[in-house]
Structure formats: structure tokens, C-alpha cells
Amino acid sequence: MTEEISCPYCETKCKTKEELSTHIDRIHHGKGLLEGDTRKY
């Protein structure tokens, strides 16, 4: 079972860091926390 990653801004659960970054970009504020660079997370 894969562990989901929770969005730091809401309760959304994402399957990958890339998916989380895309979610943040689209929903929360233009460029996301990760900006596509998963090394920061």
C-alpha cells in the first residue's frame, strides 16, 4: 500500500510529490511550494 501525501494547505491527498505540486500550482497559488522540484519536499 502506498502512502498518500497530504497537501499542506488543505486536506487533499495526492499519490505522488509531482501530483501534489501540480495540485498546489492549480488550486492554491500559481507556482506551488515545490515548483516541480521534488528535492525540496
PDB file of N, CA and C in Angstrom:
ATOM      1  N   MET A   1       0.853  -1.206   0.000  1.00  0.00           N
ATOM      2  CA  MET A   1       0.000   0.000   0.000  1.00  0.00           C
ATOM      3  C   MET A   1       0.883   1.248   0.000  1.00  0.00           C
ATOM      4  N   THR A   2       0.608   2.140  -0.908  1.00  0.00           N
ATOM      5  CA  THR A   2       1.382   3.384  -0.982  1.00  0.00           C
ATOM      6  C   THR A   2       0.791   4.422  -0.046  1.00  0.00           C
ATOM      7  N   GLU A   3       1.675   5.146   0.585  1.00  0.00           N
ATOM      8  CA  GLU A   3       1.230   6.206   1.480  1.00  0.00           C
ATOM      9  C   GLU A   3       0.966   7.467   0.681  1.00  0.00           C
ATOM     10  N   GLU A   4      -0.172   8.086   0.934  1.00  0.00           N
ATOM     11  CA  GLU A   4      -0.503   9.313   0.227  1.00  0.00           C
ATOM     12  C   GLU A   4       0.122  10.505   0.932  1.00  0.00           C
ATOM     13  N   ILE A   5       0.348  11.560   0.158  1.00  0.00           N
ATOM     14  CA  ILE A   5       0.945  12.788   0.686  1.00  0.00           C
ATOM     15  C   ILE A   5      -0.169  13.809   0.846  1.00  0.00           C
ATOM     16  N   SER A   6      -0.266  14.398   2.023  1.00  0.00           N
ATOM     17  CA  SER A   6      -1.298  15.406   2.274  1.00  0.00           C
ATOM     18  C   SER A   6      -0.816  16.782   1.853  1.00  0.00           C
ATOM     19  N   CYS A   7      -1.717  17.538   1.259  1.00  0.00           N
ATOM     20  CA  CYS A   7      -1.432  18.918   0.904  1.00  0.00           C
ATOM     21  C   CYS A   7      -1.255  19.733   2.178  1.00  0.00           C
ATOM     22  N   PRO A   8      -0.215  20.580   2.244  1.00  0.00           N
ATOM     23  CA  PRO A   8      -0.016  21.399   3.441  1.00  0.00           C
ATOM     24  C   PRO A   8      -1.055  22.512   3.585  1.00  0.00           C
ATOM     25  N   TYR A   9      -1.841  22.777   2.526  1.00  0.00           N
ATOM     26  CA  TYR A   9      -2.813  23.864   2.556  1.00  0.00           C
ATOM     27  C   TYR A   9      -4.248  23.396   2.769  1.00  0.00           C
ATOM     28  N   CYS A  10      -4.514  22.133   2.468  1.00  0.00           N
ATOM     29  CA  CYS A  10      -5.878  21.621   2.614  1.00  0.00           C
ATOM     30  C   CYS A  10      -5.813  20.127   2.919  1.00  0.00           C
ATOM     31  N   GLU A  11      -6.926  19.459   2.878  1.00  0.00           N
ATOM     32  CA  GLU A  11      -6.980  18.043   3.238  1.00  0.00           C
ATOM     33  C   GLU A  11      -6.796  17.109   2.043  1.00  0.00           C
ATOM     34  N   THR A  12      -6.494  17.655   0.877  1.00  0.00           N
ATOM     35  CA  THR A  12      -6.340  16.835  -0.320  1.00  0.00           C
ATOM     36  C   THR A  12      -5.177  15.871  -0.168  1.00  0.00           C
ATOM     37  N   LYS A  13      -5.379  14.640  -0.596  1.00  0.00           N
ATOM     38  CA  LYS A  13      -4.328  13.623  -0.569  1.00  0.00           C
ATOM     39  C   LYS A  13      -3.880  13.349  -1.999  1.00  0.00           C
ATOM     40  N   CYS A  14      -2.573  13.319  -2.211  1.00  0.00           N
ATOM     41  CA  CYS A  14      -2.012  13.062  -3.532  1.00  0.00           C
ATOM     42  C   CYS A  14      -1.159  11.800  -3.472  1.00  0.00           C
ATOM     43  N   LYS A  15      -1.062  11.108  -4.609  1.00  0.00           N
ATOM     44  CA  LYS A  15      -0.318   9.858  -4.650  1.00  0.00           C
ATOM     45  C   LYS A  15       1.185  10.064  -4.815  1.00  0.00           C
ATOM     46  N   THR A  16       1.575  11.163  -5.464  1.00  0.00           N
ATOM     47  CA  THR A  16       3.000  11.430  -5.697  1.00  0.00           C
ATOM     48  C   THR A  16       3.319  12.887  -5.374  1.00  0.00           C
ATOM     49  N   LYS A  17       4.598  13.173  -5.215  1.00  0.00           N
ATOM     50  CA  LYS A  17       5.025  14.549  -4.972  1.00  0.00           C
ATOM     51  C   LYS A  17       4.738  15.420  -6.185  1.00  0.00           C
ATOM     52  N   GLU A  18       4.869  14.841  -7.367  1.00  0.00           N
ATOM     53  CA  GLU A  18       4.585  15.588  -8.589  1.00  0.00           C
ATOM     54  C   GLU A  18       3.106  15.976  -8.654  1.00  0.00           C
ATOM     55  N   GLU A  19       2.245  15.032  -8.289  1.00  0.00           N
ATOM     56  CA  GLU A  19       0.803  15.304  -8.268  1.00  0.00           C
ATOM     57  C   GLU A  19       0.484  16.387  -7.241  1.00  0.00           C
ATOM     58  N   LEU A  20       1.137  16.331  -6.088  1.00  0.00           N
ATOM     59  CA  LEU A  20       0.944  17.348  -5.053  1.00  0.00           C
ATOM     60  C   LEU A  20       1.371  18.719  -5.562  1.00  0.00           C
ATOM     61  N   SER A  21       2.515  18.783  -6.236  1.00  0.00           N
ATOM     62  CA  SER A  21       2.999  20.049  -6.770  1.00  0.00           C
ATOM     63  C   SER A  21       2.007  20.633  -7.774  1.00  0.00           C
ATOM     64  N   THR A  22       1.489  19.787  -8.653  1.00  0.00           N
ATOM     65  CA  THR A  22       0.500  20.233  -9.631  1.00  0.00           C
ATOM     66  C   THR A  22      -0.759  20.738  -8.940  1.00  0.00           C
ATOM     67  N   HIS A  23      -1.201  20.023  -7.925  1.00  0.00           N
ATOM     68  CA  HIS A  23      -2.381  20.429  -7.155  1.00  0.00           C
ATOM     69  C   HIS A  23      -2.174  21.808  -6.539  1.00  0.00           C
ATOM     70  N   ILE A  24      -1.027  22.020  -5.911  1.00  0.00           N
ATOM     71  CA  ILE A  24      -0.733  23.303  -5.275  1.00  0.00           C
ATOM     72  C   ILE A  24      -0.688  24.415  -6.317  1.00  0.00           C
ATOM     73  N   ASP A  25      -0.036  24.144  -7.447  1.00  0.00           N
ATOM     74  CA  ASP A  25       0.037  25.129  -8.534  1.00  0.00           C
ATOM     75  C   ASP A  25      -1.362  25.545  -8.985  1.00  0.00           C
ATOM     76  N   ARG A  26      -2.223  24.575  -9.230  1.00  0.00           N
ATOM     77  CA  ARG A  26      -3.551  24.849  -9.777  1.00  0.00           C
ATOM     78  C   ARG A  26      -4.494  25.454  -8.746  1.00  0.00           C
ATOM     79  N   ILE A  27      -4.504  24.916  -7.543  1.00  0.00           N
ATOM     80  CA  ILE A  27      -5.539  25.265  -6.579  1.00  0.00           C
ATOM     81  C   ILE A  27      -5.147  26.409  -5.652  1.00  0.00           C
ATOM     82  N   HIS A  28      -3.924  26.430  -5.193  1.00  0.00           N
ATOM     83  CA  HIS A  28      -3.593  27.324  -4.086  1.00  0.00           C
ATOM     84  C   HIS A  28      -2.928  28.638  -4.478  1.00  0.00           C
ATOM     85  N   HIS A  29      -1.929  28.621  -5.312  1.00  0.00           N
ATOM     86  CA  HIS A  29      -1.280  29.899  -5.643  1.00  0.00           C
ATOM     87  C   HIS A  29      -0.261  29.777  -6.753  1.00  0.00           C
ATOM     88  N   GLY A  30      -0.727  29.864  -7.969  1.00  0.00           N
ATOM     89  CA  GLY A  30       0.178  29.899  -9.118  1.00  0.00           C
ATOM     90  C   GLY A  30       1.298  28.893  -9.003  1.00  0.00           C
ATOM     91  N   LYS A  31       2.483  29.339  -8.757  1.00  0.00           N
ATOM     92  CA  LYS A  31       3.605  28.439  -8.565  1.00  0.00           C
ATOM     93  C   LYS A  31       3.495  27.796  -7.200  1.00  0.00           C
ATOM     94  N   GLY A  32       3.589  26.497  -7.169  1.00  0.00           N
ATOM     95  CA  GLY A  32       3.419  25.754  -5.926  1.00  0.00           C
ATOM     96  C   GLY A  32       4.656  25.732  -5.059  1.00  0.00           C
ATOM     97  N   LEU A  33       4.502  25.161  -3.921  1.00  0.00           N
ATOM     98  CA  LEU A  33       5.568  25.001  -2.947  1.00  0.00           C
ATOM     99  C   LEU A  33       6.768  24.305  -3.572  1.00  0.00           C
ATOM    100  N   LEU A  34       6.512  23.322  -4.410  1.00  0.00           N
ATOM    101  CA  LEU A  34       7.600  22.522  -4.968  1.00  0.00           C
ATOM    102  C   LEU A  34       8.077  23.037  -6.312  1.00  0.00           C
ATOM    103  N   GLU A  35       7.219  23.722  -7.041  1.00  0.00           N
ATOM    104  CA  GLU A  35       7.538  24.218  -8.375  1.00  0.00           C
ATOM    105  C   GLU A  35       8.154  23.144  -9.249  1.00  0.00           C
ATOM    106  N   GLY A  36       7.661  21.914  -9.081  1.00  0.00           N
ATOM    107  CA  GLY A  36       8.139  20.804  -9.894  1.00  0.00           C
ATOM    108  C   GLY A  36       9.445  20.199  -9.407  1.00  0.00           C
ATOM    109  N   ASP A  37      10.079  20.791  -8.411  1.00  0.00           N
ATOM    110  CA  ASP A  37      11.327  20.282  -7.871  1.00  0.00           C
ATOM    111  C   ASP A  37      11.033  19.490  -6.610  1.00  0.00           C
ATOM    112  N   THR A  38      10.979  18.174  -6.722  1.00  0.00           N
ATOM    113  CA  THR A  38      10.598  17.336  -5.585  1.00  0.00           C
ATOM    114  C   THR A  38      11.717  17.191  -4.562  1.00  0.00           C
ATOM    115  N   ARG A  39      12.919  17.659  -4.865  1.00  0.00           N
ATOM    116  CA  ARG A  39      14.008  17.562  -3.890  1.00  0.00           C
ATOM    117  C   ARG A  39      13.766  18.448  -2.680  1.00  0.00           C
ATOM    118  N   LYS A  40      12.941  19.491  -2.832  1.00  0.00           N
ATOM    119  CA  LYS A  40      12.686  20.414  -1.730  1.00  0.00           C
ATOM    120  C   LYS A  40      11.727  19.843  -0.698  1.00  0.00           C
ATOM    121  N   TYR A  41      10.993  18.811  -1.084  1.00  0.00           N
ATOM    122  CA  TYR A  41       9.931  18.296  -0.203  1.00  0.00           C
ATOM    123  C   TYR A  41      10.431  17.155   0.628  1.00  0.00           C
TER     124      TYR A  41
END
